[in-house]
Amino acid sequence: QVQLVESGGGLVQPGGSLRLSCATSGFAFSLYAMSWYRQAPGKERELVAQIFSFGGRTNYADSVKGRFTISRDNAKNTVYLQMNSLKPEDTAVYYCNAYGLGVQYWGQGTQVTVSS
């Protein structure tokens, strides 16, 4: 059974930091590209950051470049998103995504709220 379980969301003040984790099981994690998406109320889901399966190449949305860092631990089947200098516009539900071998899987999401 495939599982992607996000954690680490919460309420943080502008300028603060959070670290999201996505623990996975049930598929060959090291062979999959892993991504973080987010969806704010009334908006479409958007790609935030992506890390590929080999070599660790990463991509980021322009809006988070220099502030967010995606990383993965293949031994723990876990992907992380370190979010620094958070802004109110980063408020959204953050979803973990695994893509590879012609399939993709989603986590249930974790809420991140940036507010004073």
C-alpha atoms as a PDB file:
ATOM      1  CA  GLN A   1       0.000   0.000   0.000  1.00  0.00           C
ATOM      2  CA  VAL A   2       1.433   3.335  -1.099  1.00  0.00           C
ATOM      3  CA  GLN A   3       1.560   6.018   1.575  1.00  0.00           C
ATOM      4  CA  LEU A   4       2.832   9.591   1.549  1.00  0.00           C
ATOM      5  CA  VAL A   5       2.423  11.294   4.911  1.00  0.00           C
ATOM      6  CA  GLU A   6       3.260  14.976   5.253  1.00  0.00           C
ATOM      7  CA  SER A   7       4.084  16.635   8.544  1.00  0.00           C
ATOM      8  CA  GLY A   8       5.602  19.836   9.854  1.00  0.00           C
ATOM      9  CA  GLY A   9       2.976  22.359   8.844  1.00  0.00           C
ATOM     10  CA  GLY A  10       1.570  24.945  11.184  1.00  0.00           C
ATOM     11  CA  LEU A  11       1.217  28.614  11.981  1.00  0.00           C
ATOM     12  CA  VAL A  12       4.304  30.800  11.678  1.00  0.00           C
ATOM     13  CA  GLN A  13       4.942  34.523  11.671  1.00  0.00           C
ATOM     14  CA  PRO A  14       6.209  36.298   8.558  1.00  0.00           C
ATOM     15  CA  GLY A  15       9.957  35.849   8.284  1.00  0.00           C
ATOM     16  CA  GLY A  16       9.848  32.570  10.137  1.00  0.00           C
ATOM     17  CA  SER A  17      10.805  29.070   9.083  1.00  0.00           C
ATOM     18  CA  LEU A  18       9.208  25.649   8.835  1.00  0.00           C
ATOM     19  CA  ARG A  19      10.472  22.263   7.720  1.00  0.00           C
ATOM     20  CA  LEU A  20       8.019  19.956   6.027  1.00  0.00           C
ATOM     21  CA  SER A  21       8.598  16.211   5.848  1.00  0.00           C
ATOM     22  CA  CYS A  22       6.974  13.587   3.663  1.00  0.00           C
ATOM     23  CA  ALA A  23       7.496  10.040   4.829  1.00  0.00           C
ATOM     24  CA  THR A  24       6.706   7.450   2.172  1.00  0.00           C
ATOM     25  CA  SER A  25       6.262   3.717   1.849  1.00  0.00           C
ATOM     26  CA  GLY A  26       4.978   1.151  -0.600  1.00  0.00           C
ATOM     27  CA  PHE A  27       6.945   2.134  -3.709  1.00  0.00           C
ATOM     28  CA  ALA A  28      10.557   2.371  -4.914  1.00  0.00           C
ATOM     29  CA  PHE A  29      11.208   5.831  -3.501  1.00  0.00           C
ATOM     30  CA  SER A  30      14.721   6.215  -4.921  1.00  0.00           C
ATOM     31  CA  LEU A  31      13.421   5.769  -8.475  1.00  0.00           C
ATOM     32  CA  TYR A  32      10.826   8.525  -8.214  1.00  0.00           C
ATOM     33  CA  ALA A  33      11.049  12.263  -8.669  1.00  0.00           C
ATOM     34  CA  MET A  34       9.668  13.908  -5.554  1.00  0.00           C
ATOM     35  CA  SER A  35       7.896  17.244  -5.492  1.00  0.00           C
ATOM     36  CA  TRP A  36       6.113  19.643  -3.217  1.00  0.00           C
ATOM     37  CA  TYR A  37       3.013  21.385  -4.513  1.00  0.00           C
ATOM     38  CA  ARG A  38       0.792  23.896  -2.777  1.00  0.00           C
ATOM     39  CA  GLN A  39      -2.748  25.103  -3.136  1.00  0.00           C
ATOM     40  CA  ALA A  40      -4.055  28.320  -1.651  1.00  0.00           C
ATOM     41  CA  PRO A  41      -7.791  28.972  -1.242  1.00  0.00           C
ATOM     42  CA  GLY A  42      -9.377  29.814  -4.575  1.00  0.00           C
ATOM     43  CA  LYS A  43      -6.205  29.071  -6.515  1.00  0.00           C
ATOM     44  CA  GLU A  44      -4.926  26.185  -8.578  1.00  0.00           C
ATOM     45  CA  ARG A  45      -2.394  23.751  -7.206  1.00  0.00           C
ATOM     46  CA  GLU A  46       1.122  24.841  -8.172  1.00  0.00           C
ATOM     47  CA  LEU A  47       4.529  23.201  -8.204  1.00  0.00           C
ATOM     48  CA  VAL A  48       6.795  24.589  -5.507  1.00  0.00           C
ATOM     49  CA  ALA A  49       9.917  22.429  -5.697  1.00  0.00           C
ATOM     50  CA  GLN A  50      11.075  19.206  -7.288  1.00  0.00           C
ATOM     51  CA  ILE A  51      14.030  16.875  -6.783  1.00  0.00           C
ATOM     52  CA  PHE A  52      14.882  14.167  -9.276  1.00  0.00           C
ATOM     53  CA  SER A  53      15.698  10.579  -8.545  1.00  0.00           C
ATOM     54  CA  PHE A  54      19.280  10.486  -9.759  1.00  0.00           C
ATOM     55  CA  GLY A  55      21.826  13.170  -9.206  1.00  0.00           C
ATOM     56  CA  GLY A  56      19.528  15.196  -6.999  1.00  0.00           C
ATOM     57  CA  ARG A  57      18.831  17.918  -9.569  1.00  0.00           C
ATOM     58  CA  THR A  58      16.288  20.392  -8.272  1.00  0.00           C
ATOM     59  CA  ASN A  59      13.783  22.861  -9.660  1.00  0.00           C
ATOM     60  CA  TYR A  60      11.979  25.659  -7.841  1.00  0.00           C
ATOM     61  CA  ALA A  61       9.132  28.001  -8.547  1.00  0.00           C
ATOM     62  CA  ASP A  62      10.415  31.537  -9.025  1.00  0.00           C
ATOM     63  CA  SER A  63       8.388  32.678  -6.038  1.00  0.00           C
ATOM     64  CA  VAL A  64      10.365  30.473  -3.616  1.00  0.00           C
ATOM     65  CA  LYS A  65      13.861  30.492  -5.108  1.00  0.00           C
ATOM     66  CA  GLY A  66      16.451  31.412  -2.504  1.00  0.00           C
ATOM     67  CA  ARG A  67      14.008  30.811   0.360  1.00  0.00           C
ATOM     68  CA  PHE A  68      12.980  27.135   0.068  1.00  0.00           C
ATOM     69  CA  THR A  69      15.206  24.072  -0.201  1.00  0.00           C
ATOM     70  CA  ILE A  70      14.046  20.605  -1.169  1.00  0.00           C
ATOM     71  CA  SER A  71      16.066  17.544  -0.188  1.00  0.00           C
ATOM     72  CA  ARG A  72      15.600  13.802   0.002  1.00  0.00           C
ATOM     73  CA  ASP A  73      16.917  10.929   2.088  1.00  0.00           C
ATOM     74  CA  ASN A  74      16.643   7.749   0.055  1.00  0.00           C
ATOM     75  CA  ALA A  75      17.627   5.637   3.066  1.00  0.00           C
ATOM     76  CA  LYS A  76      14.604   6.967   4.973  1.00  0.00           C
ATOM     77  CA  ASN A  77      12.252   7.207   1.963  1.00  0.00           C
ATOM     78  CA  THR A  78      11.586  10.794   2.978  1.00  0.00           C
ATOM     79  CA  VAL A  79      11.574  14.131   1.216  1.00  0.00           C
ATOM     80  CA  TYR A  80      11.877  17.478   2.980  1.00  0.00           C
ATOM     81  CA  LEU A  81      11.073  21.094   2.267  1.00  0.00           C
ATOM     82  CA  GLN A  82      12.952  23.678   4.305  1.00  0.00           C
ATOM     83  CA  MET A  83      11.065  26.963   4.121  1.00  0.00           C
ATOM     84  CA  ASN A  84      12.765  30.140   5.289  1.00  0.00           C
ATOM     85  CA  SER A  85      11.777  33.816   5.179  1.00  0.00           C
ATOM     86  CA  LEU A  86       8.143  32.816   4.954  1.00  0.00           C
ATOM     87  CA  LYS A  87       5.629  35.320   3.607  1.00  0.00           C
ATOM     88  CA  PRO A  88       1.857  35.529   4.013  1.00  0.00           C
ATOM     89  CA  GLU A  89       1.515  34.557   0.359  1.00  0.00           C
ATOM     90  CA  ASP A  90       3.128  31.201   1.170  1.00  0.00           C
ATOM     91  CA  THR A  91      -0.035  30.276   3.072  1.00  0.00           C
ATOM     92  CA  ALA A  92      -1.471  27.143   1.493  1.00  0.00           C
ATOM     93  CA  VAL A  93      -1.956  23.425   1.860  1.00  0.00           C
ATOM     94  CA  TYR A  94       1.311  21.762   0.886  1.00  0.00           C
ATOM     95  CA  TYR A  95       1.196  18.398  -0.847  1.00  0.00           C
ATOM     96  CA  CYS A  96       3.889  15.817  -1.395  1.00  0.00           C
ATOM     97  CA  ASN A  97       3.989  14.151  -4.824  1.00  0.00           C
ATOM     98  CA  ALA A  98       5.880  11.173  -6.175  1.00  0.00           C
ATOM     99  CA  TYR A  99       6.206  10.695  -9.925  1.00  0.00           C
ATOM    100  CA  GLY A 100       7.897   7.901 -11.808  1.00  0.00           C
ATOM    101  CA  LEU A 101       7.490   4.741 -13.847  1.00  0.00           C
ATOM    102  CA  GLY A 102       4.351   6.204 -15.405  1.00  0.00           C
ATOM    103  CA  VAL A 103       2.482   6.750 -12.146  1.00  0.00           C
ATOM    104  CA  GLN A 104       2.175   9.412  -9.501  1.00  0.00           C
ATOM    105  CA  TYR A 105       1.078   9.450  -5.909  1.00  0.00           C
ATOM    106  CA  TRP A 106      -0.117  12.240  -3.613  1.00  0.00           C
ATOM    107  CA  GLY A 107      -0.095  12.828   0.094  1.00  0.00           C
ATOM    108  CA  GLN A 108      -3.040  14.204   2.023  1.00  0.00           C
ATOM    109  CA  GLY A 109      -1.504  17.651   2.523  1.00  0.00           C
ATOM    110  CA  THR A 110      -0.384  19.762   5.449  1.00  0.00           C
ATOM    111  CA  GLN A 111      -1.545  23.295   6.186  1.00  0.00           C
ATOM    112  CA  VAL A 112       0.992  26.119   6.336  1.00  0.00           C
ATOM    113  CA  THR A 113      -0.282  29.467   7.568  1.00  0.00           C
ATOM    114  CA  VAL A 114       1.954  32.533   7.620  1.00  0.00           C
ATOM    115  CA  SER A 115       0.395  35.288   9.669  1.00  0.00           C
ATOM    116  CA  SER A 116       1.185  37.731  12.428  1.00  0.00           C
END
